[in-house]
């Protein structure tokens, strides 16, 4: 089997992606700042933001899946005023540019880049950073693919959990379809090895629901009782926030089933 390098392999999507690759019988190397205790994969220590360790990490690699990103909003689980003005680009832009150049030197056969649905209309600085990185991939001389995915369930859960202290939850009624990371991981593995290249079909979840409907399902699953204030926003504002319905491939795990799995996991852990 070919050797696959995964950037961002220690993140939520990355862990599912590595699991799927291993299950499919691929040799996997993860590029990370801090290797973890896992014996069924190789670890390459380095930092995409600085380029440290990249040359060694790419030695003998046929396929690169770039799932690395740096989103302050995702890390802290909420938006702050600073997020409307700037977002770091060291990983998503400079890091992607550096990775592409290194892949060219290493004669990597396929570069698969993970991106986000709706970037062309999104207005937050993080979205603009992601779009800049994606454009670097599209302009590369490498054999490349780009897969855009909808926001992940774990991010939606984190955002809704941040509202738990409020007596009233103001939530947009805009319809969108977030997706589970395991569904995205399975699709990425397919795209990495099916022989096709270029812009691939984007992937979203199976449920087209208003944000307020997702919030109600979350409250029911977590036993929370808070009035929800449905807020109507313009289509332009919604698209600027990344609240769209994807076209293309659909995942199979629903939001309600994902919440039930999470509840079961919490009960087992307790």
C-alpha atoms as a PDB file:
ATOM      1  CA  UNK A   1       0.000   0.000   0.000  1.00  0.00           C
ATOM      2  CA  UNK A   2       1.091   3.582  -0.632  1.00  0.00           C
ATOM      3  CA  UNK A   3       2.221   5.787   2.229  1.00  0.00           C
ATOM      4  CA  UNK A   4      -0.256   8.535   3.156  1.00  0.00           C
ATOM      5  CA  UNK A   5       0.729  11.666   5.089  1.00  0.00           C
ATOM      6  CA  UNK A   6      -2.073  13.313   7.049  1.00  0.00           C
ATOM      7  CA  UNK A   7      -1.722  16.856   8.348  1.00  0.00           C
ATOM      8  CA  UNK A   8      -4.130  17.788  11.122  1.00  0.00           C
ATOM      9  CA  UNK A   9      -4.268  14.097  12.001  1.00  0.00           C
ATOM     10  CA  UNK A  10      -4.645  14.733  15.733  1.00  0.00           C
ATOM     11  CA  UNK A  11      -7.785  16.870  15.343  1.00  0.00           C
ATOM     12  CA  UNK A  12     -11.431  15.773  15.385  1.00  0.00           C
ATOM     13  CA  UNK A  13     -11.614  15.112  11.648  1.00  0.00           C
ATOM     14  CA  UNK A  14      -8.019  13.939  11.512  1.00  0.00           C
ATOM     15  CA  UNK A  15      -8.515  11.178  14.073  1.00  0.00           C
ATOM     16  CA  UNK A  16     -11.508   9.796  12.176  1.00  0.00           C
ATOM     17  CA  UNK A  17      -9.587  10.112   8.923  1.00  0.00           C
ATOM     18  CA  UNK A  18      -6.612   8.184  10.295  1.00  0.00           C
ATOM     19  CA  UNK A  19      -8.940   5.470  11.612  1.00  0.00           C
ATOM     20  CA  UNK A  20     -10.562   5.074   8.182  1.00  0.00           C
ATOM     21  CA  UNK A  21      -7.203   4.933   6.417  1.00  0.00           C
ATOM     22  CA  UNK A  22      -5.869   2.294   8.791  1.00  0.00           C
ATOM     23  CA  UNK A  23      -9.051   0.243   8.479  1.00  0.00           C
ATOM     24  CA  UNK A  24      -8.661   0.360   4.694  1.00  0.00           C
ATOM     25  CA  UNK A  25      -5.154  -1.069   5.018  1.00  0.00           C
ATOM     26  CA  UNK A  26      -3.142   2.030   4.141  1.00  0.00           C
ATOM     27  CA  UNK A  27       0.197   2.944   5.659  1.00  0.00           C
ATOM     28  CA  UNK A  28      -0.349   6.207   7.516  1.00  0.00           C
ATOM     29  CA  UNK A  29       2.045   8.870   8.736  1.00  0.00           C
ATOM     30  CA  UNK A  30       0.700  11.785  10.785  1.00  0.00           C
ATOM     31  CA  UNK A  31       2.449  15.147  10.785  1.00  0.00           C
ATOM     32  CA  UNK A  32       1.934  16.748  14.182  1.00  0.00           C
ATOM     33  CA  UNK A  33       3.658  18.936  16.719  1.00  0.00           C
ATOM     34  CA  UNK A  34       3.080  16.396  19.491  1.00  0.00           C
ATOM     35  CA  UNK A  35       3.028  12.680  18.571  1.00  0.00           C
ATOM     36  CA  UNK A  36       0.503  10.617  20.481  1.00  0.00           C
ATOM     37  CA  UNK A  37       0.523   7.071  21.852  1.00  0.00           C
ATOM     38  CA  UNK A  38      -0.655   5.098  18.836  1.00  0.00           C
ATOM     39  CA  UNK A  39       1.392   2.211  17.495  1.00  0.00           C
ATOM     40  CA  UNK A  40      -0.491   1.412  14.268  1.00  0.00           C
ATOM     41  CA  UNK A  41       0.671   4.571  12.469  1.00  0.00           C
ATOM     42  CA  UNK A  42       3.901   6.505  11.944  1.00  0.00           C
ATOM     43  CA  UNK A  43       4.444   9.898  13.510  1.00  0.00           C
ATOM     44  CA  UNK A  44       6.408  12.753  11.979  1.00  0.00           C
ATOM     45  CA  UNK A  45       7.099  15.577  14.393  1.00  0.00           C
ATOM     46  CA  UNK A  46       6.923  19.086  13.009  1.00  0.00           C
ATOM     47  CA  UNK A  47       4.941  22.263  12.566  1.00  0.00           C
ATOM     48  CA  UNK A  48       3.124  23.319   9.411  1.00  0.00           C
ATOM     49  CA  UNK A  49       3.183  26.940  10.554  1.00  0.00           C
ATOM     50  CA  UNK A  50       6.995  27.009  10.465  1.00  0.00           C
ATOM     51  CA  UNK A  51       7.810  24.170   8.078  1.00  0.00           C
ATOM     52  CA  UNK A  52       9.875  22.377  10.689  1.00  0.00           C
ATOM     53  CA  UNK A  53      10.059  18.643   9.957  1.00  0.00           C
ATOM     54  CA  UNK A  54       8.244  18.800   6.595  1.00  0.00           C
ATOM     55  CA  UNK A  55      11.061  17.425   4.441  1.00  0.00           C
ATOM     56  CA  UNK A  56      11.474  14.340   6.614  1.00  0.00           C
ATOM     57  CA  UNK A  57       7.714  13.861   6.944  1.00  0.00           C
ATOM     58  CA  UNK A  58       7.272  13.691   3.156  1.00  0.00           C
ATOM     59  CA  UNK A  59      10.004  11.140   2.538  1.00  0.00           C
ATOM     60  CA  UNK A  60       8.498   8.205   0.636  1.00  0.00           C
ATOM     61  CA  UNK A  61       4.963   9.666   0.673  1.00  0.00           C
ATOM     62  CA  UNK A  62       2.642   9.103  -2.318  1.00  0.00           C
ATOM     63  CA  UNK A  63      -0.516  10.870  -1.087  1.00  0.00           C
ATOM     64  CA  UNK A  64      -0.997  13.873   1.192  1.00  0.00           C
ATOM     65  CA  UNK A  65      -4.335  14.681   2.835  1.00  0.00           C
ATOM     66  CA  UNK A  66      -4.179  18.211   4.184  1.00  0.00           C
ATOM     67  CA  UNK A  67      -6.724  18.426   7.003  1.00  0.00           C
ATOM     68  CA  UNK A  68      -4.774  20.957   9.064  1.00  0.00           C
ATOM     69  CA  UNK A  69      -6.363  24.266   9.965  1.00  0.00           C
ATOM     70  CA  UNK A  70      -6.219  26.943  12.643  1.00  0.00           C
ATOM     71  CA  UNK A  71      -9.643  28.286  13.632  1.00  0.00           C
ATOM     72  CA  UNK A  72      -9.730  30.317  16.857  1.00  0.00           C
ATOM     73  CA  UNK A  73     -13.538  30.130  16.831  1.00  0.00           C
ATOM     74  CA  UNK A  74     -13.488  26.326  16.737  1.00  0.00           C
ATOM     75  CA  UNK A  75     -10.790  26.099  19.405  1.00  0.00           C
ATOM     76  CA  UNK A  76     -12.615  28.225  21.933  1.00  0.00           C
ATOM     77  CA  UNK A  77     -16.144  27.239  20.862  1.00  0.00           C
ATOM     78  CA  UNK A  78     -17.446  30.751  20.379  1.00  0.00           C
ATOM     79  CA  UNK A  79     -17.043  34.002  18.480  1.00  0.00           C
ATOM     80  CA  UNK A  80     -15.270  37.024  19.924  1.00  0.00           C
ATOM     81  CA  UNK A  81     -15.122  40.558  18.498  1.00  0.00           C
ATOM     82  CA  UNK A  82     -11.560  39.960  17.257  1.00  0.00           C
ATOM     83  CA  UNK A  83     -12.858  37.199  14.940  1.00  0.00           C
ATOM     84  CA  UNK A  84     -14.643  39.823  12.822  1.00  0.00           C
ATOM     85  CA  UNK A  85     -11.351  41.592  12.111  1.00  0.00           C
ATOM     86  CA  UNK A  86      -8.617  39.000  11.691  1.00  0.00           C
ATOM     87  CA  UNK A  87      -7.746  35.309  11.746  1.00  0.00           C
ATOM     88  CA  UNK A  88      -4.279  33.706  11.789  1.00  0.00           C
ATOM     89  CA  UNK A  89      -3.004  32.523   8.416  1.00  0.00           C
ATOM     90  CA  UNK A  90       0.250  30.785   9.368  1.00  0.00           C
ATOM     91  CA  UNK A  91      -1.243  27.300   8.960  1.00  0.00           C
ATOM     92  CA  UNK A  92      -3.979  27.738   6.349  1.00  0.00           C
ATOM     93  CA  UNK A  93      -2.148  30.030   3.923  1.00  0.00           C
ATOM     94  CA  UNK A  94       1.597  30.146   4.515  1.00  0.00           C
ATOM     95  CA  UNK A  95       1.561  26.565   5.798  1.00  0.00           C
ATOM     96  CA  UNK A  96      -0.394  25.335   2.786  1.00  0.00           C
ATOM     97  CA  UNK A  97       1.948  27.167   0.407  1.00  0.00           C
ATOM     98  CA  UNK A  98       4.954  25.658   2.125  1.00  0.00           C
ATOM     99  CA  UNK A  99       3.398  22.189   2.094  1.00  0.00           C
ATOM    100  CA  UNK A 100       2.599  22.402  -1.618  1.00  0.00           C
ATOM    101  CA  UNK A 101       6.169  23.387  -2.453  1.00  0.00           C
ATOM    102  CA  UNK A 102       7.574  20.576  -0.335  1.00  0.00           C
ATOM    103  CA  UNK A 103       5.198  18.072  -1.946  1.00  0.00           C
ATOM    104  CA  UNK A 104       6.469  19.173  -5.355  1.00  0.00           C
ATOM    105  CA  UNK A 105      10.064  18.581  -4.282  1.00  0.00           C
ATOM    106  CA  UNK A 106       9.087  15.159  -2.886  1.00  0.00           C
ATOM    107  CA  UNK A 107       7.193  14.239  -6.086  1.00  0.00           C
ATOM    108  CA  UNK A 108       3.961  13.508  -4.207  1.00  0.00           C
ATOM    109  CA  UNK A 109       1.431  11.945  -6.580  1.00  0.00           C
ATOM    110  CA  UNK A 110      -1.802  13.311  -5.080  1.00  0.00           C
ATOM    111  CA  UNK A 111      -2.530  16.279  -2.821  1.00  0.00           C
ATOM    112  CA  UNK A 112      -6.030  16.227  -1.288  1.00  0.00           C
ATOM    113  CA  UNK A 113      -7.067  19.450   0.422  1.00  0.00           C
ATOM    114  CA  UNK A 114      -9.939  19.703   2.913  1.00  0.00           C
ATOM    115  CA  UNK A 115     -11.901  22.943   2.680  1.00  0.00           C
ATOM    116  CA  UNK A 116     -15.290  24.407   3.666  1.00  0.00           C
ATOM    117  CA  UNK A 117     -18.588  24.751   1.799  1.00  0.00           C
ATOM    118  CA  UNK A 118     -19.658  28.309   0.966  1.00  0.00           C
ATOM    119  CA  UNK A 119     -16.302  30.057   1.231  1.00  0.00           C
ATOM    120  CA  UNK A 120     -16.903  32.254  -1.807  1.00  0.00           C
ATOM    121  CA  UNK A 121     -19.716  34.142  -0.038  1.00  0.00           C
ATOM    122  CA  UNK A 122     -18.538  33.877   3.573  1.00  0.00           C
ATOM    123  CA  UNK A 123     -17.413  37.109   5.218  1.00  0.00           C
ATOM    124  CA  UNK A 124     -15.557  36.130   8.392  1.00  0.00           C
ATOM    125  CA  UNK A 125     -11.753  36.542   8.231  1.00  0.00           C
ATOM    126  CA  UNK A 126     -11.270  32.821   8.918  1.00  0.00           C
ATOM    127  CA  UNK A 127     -13.284  32.005   5.796  1.00  0.00           C
ATOM    128  CA  UNK A 128     -11.190  34.391   3.732  1.00  0.00           C
ATOM    129  CA  UNK A 129      -8.046  32.731   5.060  1.00  0.00           C
ATOM    130  CA  UNK A 130      -9.393  29.287   4.167  1.00  0.00           C
ATOM    131  CA  UNK A 131     -10.307  30.498   0.679  1.00  0.00           C
ATOM    132  CA  UNK A 132      -6.818  31.907   0.147  1.00  0.00           C
ATOM    133  CA  UNK A 133      -5.320  28.548   1.075  1.00  0.00           C
ATOM    134  CA  UNK A 134      -7.708  26.690  -1.197  1.00  0.00           C
ATOM    135  CA  UNK A 135      -6.803  28.946  -4.125  1.00  0.00           C
ATOM    136  CA  UNK A 136      -3.143  28.090  -3.643  1.00  0.00           C
ATOM    137  CA  UNK A 137      -4.020  24.419  -4.058  1.00  0.00           C
ATOM    138  CA  UNK A 138      -6.099  25.075  -7.180  1.00  0.00           C
ATOM    139  CA  UNK A 139      -3.220  27.010  -8.724  1.00  0.00           C
ATOM    140  CA  UNK A 140      -0.645  24.342  -7.924  1.00  0.00           C
ATOM    141  CA  UNK A 141       1.160  22.223 -10.510  1.00  0.00           C
ATOM    142  CA  UNK A 142       0.585  19.165  -8.328  1.00  0.00           C
ATOM    143  CA  UNK A 143      -2.059  16.556  -9.033  1.00  0.00           C
ATOM    144  CA  UNK A 144      -4.627  17.935  -6.597  1.00  0.00           C
ATOM    145  CA  UNK A 145      -8.163  17.478  -5.305  1.00  0.00           C
ATOM    146  CA  UNK A 146     -10.291  19.777  -3.153  1.00  0.00           C
ATOM    147  CA  UNK A 147     -13.146  18.546  -0.958  1.00  0.00           C
ATOM    148  CA  UNK A 148     -15.378  21.120   0.688  1.00  0.00           C
ATOM    149  CA  UNK A 149     -17.301  20.001   3.781  1.00  0.00           C
ATOM    150  CA  UNK A 150     -20.067  21.567   5.844  1.00  0.00           C
ATOM    151  CA  UNK A 151     -19.407  22.547   9.503  1.00  0.00           C
ATOM    152  CA  UNK A 152     -19.039  19.561  11.821  1.00  0.00           C
ATOM    153  CA  UNK A 153     -21.488  18.387  14.470  1.00  0.00           C
ATOM    154  CA  UNK A 154     -18.962  18.787  17.268  1.00  0.00           C
ATOM    155  CA  UNK A 155     -18.601  22.481  16.396  1.00  0.00           C
ATOM    156  CA  UNK A 156     -22.372  22.936  16.429  1.00  0.00           C
ATOM    157  CA  UNK A 157     -22.532  21.212  19.818  1.00  0.00           C
ATOM    158  CA  UNK A 158     -19.808  23.471  21.186  1.00  0.00           C
ATOM    159  CA  UNK A 159     -21.537  26.601  19.936  1.00  0.00           C
ATOM    160  CA  UNK A 160     -24.889  25.541  21.407  1.00  0.00           C
ATOM    161  CA  UNK A 161     -23.285  24.571  24.708  1.00  0.00           C
ATOM    162  CA  UNK A 162     -21.891  28.112  24.938  1.00  0.00           C
ATOM    163  CA  UNK A 163     -25.494  29.370  25.100  1.00  0.00           C
ATOM    164  CA  UNK A 164     -26.394  27.231  28.127  1.00  0.00           C
ATOM    165  CA  UNK A 165     -26.014  30.112  30.588  1.00  0.00           C
ATOM    166  CA  UNK A 166     -28.537  32.286  28.754  1.00  0.00           C
ATOM    167  CA  UNK A 167     -32.185  32.290  29.932  1.00  0.00           C
ATOM    168  CA  UNK A 168     -33.276  32.808  26.301  1.00  0.00           C
ATOM    169  CA  UNK A 169     -31.496  31.403  23.246  1.00  0.00           C
ATOM    170  CA  UNK A 170     -31.501  33.668  20.147  1.00  0.00           C
ATOM    171  CA  UNK A 171     -30.949  31.290  17.223  1.00  0.00           C
ATOM    172  CA  UNK A 172     -31.279  31.913  13.453  1.00  0.00           C
ATOM    173  CA  UNK A 173     -33.972  30.043  11.543  1.00  0.00           C
ATOM    174  CA  UNK A 174     -31.647  29.671   8.540  1.00  0.00           C
ATOM    175  CA  UNK A 175     -31.540  26.161   7.123  1.00  0.00           C
ATOM    176  CA  UNK A 176     -28.196  24.363   6.790  1.00  0.00           C
ATOM    177  CA  UNK A 177     -26.859  20.803   6.984  1.00  0.00           C
ATOM    178  CA  UNK A 178     -23.859  20.217   9.248  1.00  0.00           C
ATOM    179  CA  UNK A 179     -22.132  16.846   9.034  1.00  0.00           C
ATOM    180  CA  UNK A 180     -20.377  14.228  11.158  1.00  0.00           C
ATOM    181  CA  UNK A 181     -16.583  14.016  10.908  1.00  0.00           C
ATOM    182  CA  UNK A 182     -16.681  10.239  10.418  1.00  0.00           C
ATOM    183  CA  UNK A 183     -18.849  10.660   7.316  1.00  0.00           C
ATOM    184  CA  UNK A 184     -16.429  13.247   5.937  1.00  0.00           C
ATOM    185  CA  UNK A 185     -13.459  11.008   6.753  1.00  0.00           C
ATOM    186  CA  UNK A 186     -14.934   8.098   4.834  1.00  0.00           C
ATOM    187  CA  UNK A 187     -15.588  10.313   1.822  1.00  0.00           C
ATOM    188  CA  UNK A 188     -12.055  11.737   1.923  1.00  0.00           C
ATOM    189  CA  UNK A 189     -10.528   8.263   1.860  1.00  0.00           C
ATOM    190  CA  UNK A 190     -12.653   7.433  -1.177  1.00  0.00           C
ATOM    191  CA  UNK A 191     -11.613  10.646  -2.942  1.00  0.00           C
ATOM    192  CA  UNK A 192      -7.956  10.056  -2.163  1.00  0.00           C
ATOM    193  CA  UNK A 193      -7.779   6.744  -4.000  1.00  0.00           C
ATOM    194  CA  UNK A 194     -10.513   6.630  -6.651  1.00  0.00           C
ATOM    195  CA  UNK A 195      -8.272   8.086  -9.346  1.00  0.00           C
ATOM    196  CA  UNK A 196     -10.260  11.286  -9.887  1.00  0.00           C
ATOM    197  CA  UNK A 197      -8.763  14.753  -9.452  1.00  0.00           C
ATOM    198  CA  UNK A 198      -9.767  18.400  -9.222  1.00  0.00           C
ATOM    199  CA  UNK A 199     -12.811  19.851  -7.478  1.00  0.00           C
ATOM    200  CA  UNK A 200     -14.799  17.038  -5.929  1.00  0.00           C
ATOM    201  CA  UNK A 201     -18.441  17.052  -4.863  1.00  0.00           C
ATOM    202  CA  UNK A 202     -18.883  18.792  -1.522  1.00  0.00           C
ATOM    203  CA  UNK A 203     -20.243  16.874   1.458  1.00  0.00           C
ATOM    204  CA  UNK A 204     -22.884  17.792   4.025  1.00  0.00           C
ATOM    205  CA  UNK A 205     -25.097  16.062   6.542  1.00  0.00           C
ATOM    206  CA  UNK A 206     -28.426  14.331   5.837  1.00  0.00           C
ATOM    207  CA  UNK A 207     -30.616  16.893   7.655  1.00  0.00           C
ATOM    208  CA  UNK A 208     -31.665  20.231   6.122  1.00  0.00           C
ATOM    209  CA  UNK A 209     -32.954  22.010   9.227  1.00  0.00           C
ATOM    210  CA  UNK A 210     -33.132  25.497  10.650  1.00  0.00           C
ATOM    211  CA  UNK A 211     -30.543  26.365  13.260  1.00  0.00           C
ATOM    212  CA  UNK A 212     -33.394  26.693  15.742  1.00  0.00           C
ATOM    213  CA  UNK A 213     -34.493  23.111  14.989  1.00  0.00           C
ATOM    214  CA  UNK A 214     -30.962  21.853  15.608  1.00  0.00           C
ATOM    215  CA  UNK A 215     -30.987  23.789  18.900  1.00  0.00           C
ATOM    216  CA  UNK A 216     -34.276  22.183  19.988  1.00  0.00           C
ATOM    217  CA  UNK A 217     -32.934  18.704  19.290  1.00  0.00           C
ATOM    218  CA  UNK A 218     -29.806  19.573  21.261  1.00  0.00           C
ATOM    219  CA  UNK A 219     -31.832  20.776  24.237  1.00  0.00           C
ATOM    220  CA  UNK A 220     -33.999  17.639  24.187  1.00  0.00           C
ATOM    221  CA  UNK A 221     -30.947  15.366  24.097  1.00  0.00           C
ATOM    222  CA  UNK A 222     -29.205  17.217  26.933  1.00  0.00           C
ATOM    223  CA  UNK A 223     -32.266  17.758  29.113  1.00  0.00           C
ATOM    224  CA  UNK A 224     -32.053  21.530  28.831  1.00  0.00           C
ATOM    225  CA  UNK A 225     -35.114  23.749  29.031  1.00  0.00           C
ATOM    226  CA  UNK A 226     -34.597  27.217  27.625  1.00  0.00           C
ATOM    227  CA  UNK A 227     -36.951  29.247  25.433  1.00  0.00           C
ATOM    228  CA  UNK A 228     -35.595  29.586  21.904  1.00  0.00           C
ATOM    229  CA  UNK A 229     -36.032  32.913  20.146  1.00  0.00           C
ATOM    230  CA  UNK A 230     -36.120  32.212  16.383  1.00  0.00           C
ATOM    231  CA  UNK A 231     -34.271  34.951  14.503  1.00  0.00           C
ATOM    232  CA  UNK A 232     -34.736  35.597  10.812  1.00  0.00           C
ATOM    233  CA  UNK A 233     -31.644  36.804   9.003  1.00  0.00           C
ATOM    234  CA  UNK A 234     -31.239  37.815   5.373  1.00  0.00           C
ATOM    235  CA  UNK A 235     -29.900  35.319   2.864  1.00  0.00           C
ATOM    236  CA  UNK A 236     -26.828  37.489   2.358  1.00  0.00           C
ATOM    237  CA  UNK A 237     -26.103  37.557   6.089  1.00  0.00           C
ATOM    238  CA  UNK A 238     -26.674  33.807   6.380  1.00  0.00           C
ATOM    239  CA  UNK A 239     -24.316  33.038   3.529  1.00  0.00           C
ATOM    240  CA  UNK A 240     -21.763  35.361   5.043  1.00  0.00           C
ATOM    241  CA  UNK A 241     -21.936  33.271   8.212  1.00  0.00           C
ATOM    242  CA  UNK A 242     -21.499  30.051   6.235  1.00  0.00           C
ATOM    243  CA  UNK A 243     -25.095  28.950   6.831  1.00  0.00           C
ATOM    244  CA  UNK A 244     -25.896  27.237   3.542  1.00  0.00           C
ATOM    245  CA  UNK A 245     -27.214  23.901   2.333  1.00  0.00           C
ATOM    246  CA  UNK A 246     -24.555  21.906   0.527  1.00  0.00           C
ATOM    247  CA  UNK A 247     -25.028  20.127  -2.757  1.00  0.00           C
ATOM    248  CA  UNK A 248     -23.371  16.849  -3.651  1.00  0.00           C
ATOM    249  CA  UNK A 249     -22.635  13.987  -1.288  1.00  0.00           C
ATOM    250  CA  UNK A 250     -24.647  13.491   1.894  1.00  0.00           C
ATOM    251  CA  UNK A 251     -23.454  11.858   5.085  1.00  0.00           C
ATOM    252  CA  UNK A 252     -25.634   9.230   6.749  1.00  0.00           C
ATOM    253  CA  UNK A 253     -25.430  10.050  10.469  1.00  0.00           C
ATOM    254  CA  UNK A 254     -28.168  12.452  11.570  1.00  0.00           C
ATOM    255  CA  UNK A 255     -27.750  15.138  14.220  1.00  0.00           C
ATOM    256  CA  UNK A 256     -30.198  13.393  16.565  1.00  0.00           C
ATOM    257  CA  UNK A 257     -28.374  10.067  16.236  1.00  0.00           C
ATOM    258  CA  UNK A 258     -25.036  11.782  16.774  1.00  0.00           C
ATOM    259  CA  UNK A 259     -26.354  13.402  19.964  1.00  0.00           C
ATOM    260  CA  UNK A 260     -27.630  10.030  21.167  1.00  0.00           C
ATOM    261  CA  UNK A 261     -24.213   8.459  20.577  1.00  0.00           C
ATOM    262  CA  UNK A 262     -22.578  11.272  22.502  1.00  0.00           C
ATOM    263  CA  UNK A 263     -24.992  10.798  25.403  1.00  0.00           C
ATOM    264  CA  UNK A 264     -24.272   7.068  25.447  1.00  0.00           C
ATOM    265  CA  UNK A 265     -20.532   7.750  25.460  1.00  0.00           C
ATOM    266  CA  UNK A 266     -20.896  10.144  28.411  1.00  0.00           C
ATOM    267  CA  UNK A 267     -22.913   7.541  30.360  1.00  0.00           C
ATOM    268  CA  UNK A 268     -20.305   4.833  29.741  1.00  0.00           C
ATOM    269  CA  UNK A 269     -17.495   7.176  30.778  1.00  0.00           C
ATOM    270  CA  UNK A 270     -19.354   8.060  33.973  1.00  0.00           C
END
